[in-house]
Amino acid sequence: MRVSLISFSCLISYFADNMLCSTII
């Protein structure tokens, strides 16, 4: 469930926080 949430947030903030998304994953 948490992974899904992170993935969703990553998708939303993909353009804004591409680096952060990579760090989280």
C-alpha atoms as a PDB file:
ATOM      1  CA  MET A   1       0.000   0.000   0.000  1.00  0.00           C
ATOM      2  CA  ARG A   2       2.781   2.379   0.931  1.00  0.00           C
ATOM      3  CA  VAL A   3       4.662   1.534  -2.262  1.00  0.00           C
ATOM      4  CA  SER A   4       1.586   2.414  -4.281  1.00  0.00           C
ATOM      5  CA  LEU A   5       1.305   5.734  -2.490  1.00  0.00           C
ATOM      6  CA  ILE A   6       4.955   6.530  -3.147  1.00  0.00           C
ATOM      7  CA  SER A   7       4.578   5.531  -6.771  1.00  0.00           C
ATOM      8  CA  PHE A   8       1.529   7.769  -7.091  1.00  0.00           C
ATOM      9  CA  SER A   9       3.284  10.688  -5.444  1.00  0.00           C
ATOM     10  CA  CYS A  10       6.305  10.059  -7.636  1.00  0.00           C
ATOM     11  CA  LEU A  11       4.120  10.177 -10.719  1.00  0.00           C
ATOM     12  CA  ILE A  12       2.564  13.464  -9.617  1.00  0.00           C
ATOM     13  CA  SER A  13       5.877  15.022  -8.650  1.00  0.00           C
ATOM     14  CA  TYR A  14       7.797  13.393 -11.479  1.00  0.00           C
ATOM     15  CA  PHE A  15       8.453  16.625 -13.305  1.00  0.00           C
ATOM     16  CA  ALA A  16       8.920  18.658 -10.139  1.00  0.00           C
ATOM     17  CA  ASP A  17      10.991  16.193  -8.093  1.00  0.00           C
ATOM     18  CA  ASN A  18      12.472  13.713 -10.513  1.00  0.00           C
ATOM     19  CA  MET A  19      15.642  13.472  -8.437  1.00  0.00           C
ATOM     20  CA  LEU A  20      13.717  13.028  -5.201  1.00  0.00           C
ATOM     21  CA  CYS A  21      11.635  10.291  -6.772  1.00  0.00           C
ATOM     22  CA  SER A  22      14.764   8.411  -7.770  1.00  0.00           C
ATOM     23  CA  THR A  23      16.147   8.808  -4.259  1.00  0.00           C
ATOM     24  CA  ILE A  24      12.978   7.414  -2.669  1.00  0.00           C
ATOM     25  CA  ILE A  25      12.958   4.407  -4.961  1.00  0.00           C
END
